[in-house]
Amino acid sequence: MKLSPNNPDALSNLGFLAYERGNNEKAETLLRQAIKADKDIFYGTL
């Protein structure tokens, strides 16, 4: 994350990890950041 703080894959993975650990607020924040970093990737999978 230090080298690429807006990496959508890393943000997404951290978001799902936070969700699995029950930290829903952090998960939402991270997943929103992931979507913002690359909307095309995430909206294309909906």
Protein backbone atom coordinates (compact mmCIF):
# COMPACT_ATOMS: atom_id res chain seq x y z
CA MET A 1 0.00 0.00 0.00
CA LYS A 2 2.93 2.35 0.55
CA LEU A 3 4.05 2.04 -3.05
CA SER A 4 0.60 2.19 -4.61
CA PRO A 5 -1.99 3.50 -2.12
CA ASN A 6 -4.74 3.70 -4.76
CA ASN A 7 -4.34 0.18 -6.12
CA PRO A 8 -7.94 -0.98 -6.65
CA ASP A 9 -7.11 -4.68 -6.25
CA ALA A 10 -5.33 -4.12 -2.94
CA LEU A 11 -8.08 -1.84 -1.65
CA SER A 12 -10.72 -4.36 -2.66
CA ASN A 13 -8.90 -7.24 -0.99
CA LEU A 14 -8.45 -5.24 2.21
CA GLY A 15 -12.12 -4.27 2.09
CA PHE A 16 -13.26 -7.88 1.84
CA LEU A 17 -10.86 -8.85 4.62
CA ALA A 18 -12.28 -6.12 6.86
CA TYR A 19 -15.80 -7.35 6.06
CA GLU A 20 -14.90 -10.94 6.92
CA ARG A 21 -13.49 -9.74 10.24
CA GLY A 22 -16.73 -7.90 11.05
CA ASN A 23 -15.41 -4.38 10.53
CA ASN A 24 -18.16 -3.22 8.21
CA GLU A 25 -17.40 0.50 8.39
CA LYS A 26 -13.77 -0.03 7.40
CA ALA A 27 -14.85 -2.46 4.69
CA GLU A 28 -17.22 0.08 3.18
CA THR A 29 -14.55 2.78 3.22
CA LEU A 30 -11.98 0.55 1.53
CA LEU A 31 -14.41 -0.76 -1.07
CA ARG A 32 -15.55 2.76 -1.92
CA GLN A 33 -11.90 3.76 -2.36
CA ALA A 34 -11.36 0.76 -4.63
CA ILE A 35 -14.33 1.72 -6.79
CA LYS A 36 -13.18 5.34 -6.93
CA ALA A 37 -9.69 4.23 -7.99
CA ASP A 38 -11.00 2.30 -11.01
CA LYS A 39 -14.74 2.48 -11.61
CA ASP A 40 -14.63 0.50 -14.85
CA ILE A 41 -13.35 -2.67 -13.17
CA PHE A 42 -16.03 -2.75 -10.50
CA TYR A 43 -19.04 -1.50 -12.44
CA GLY A 44 -18.24 -3.95 -15.21
CA THR A 45 -18.77 -6.86 -12.83
CA LEU A 46 -22.20 -5.80 -11.56
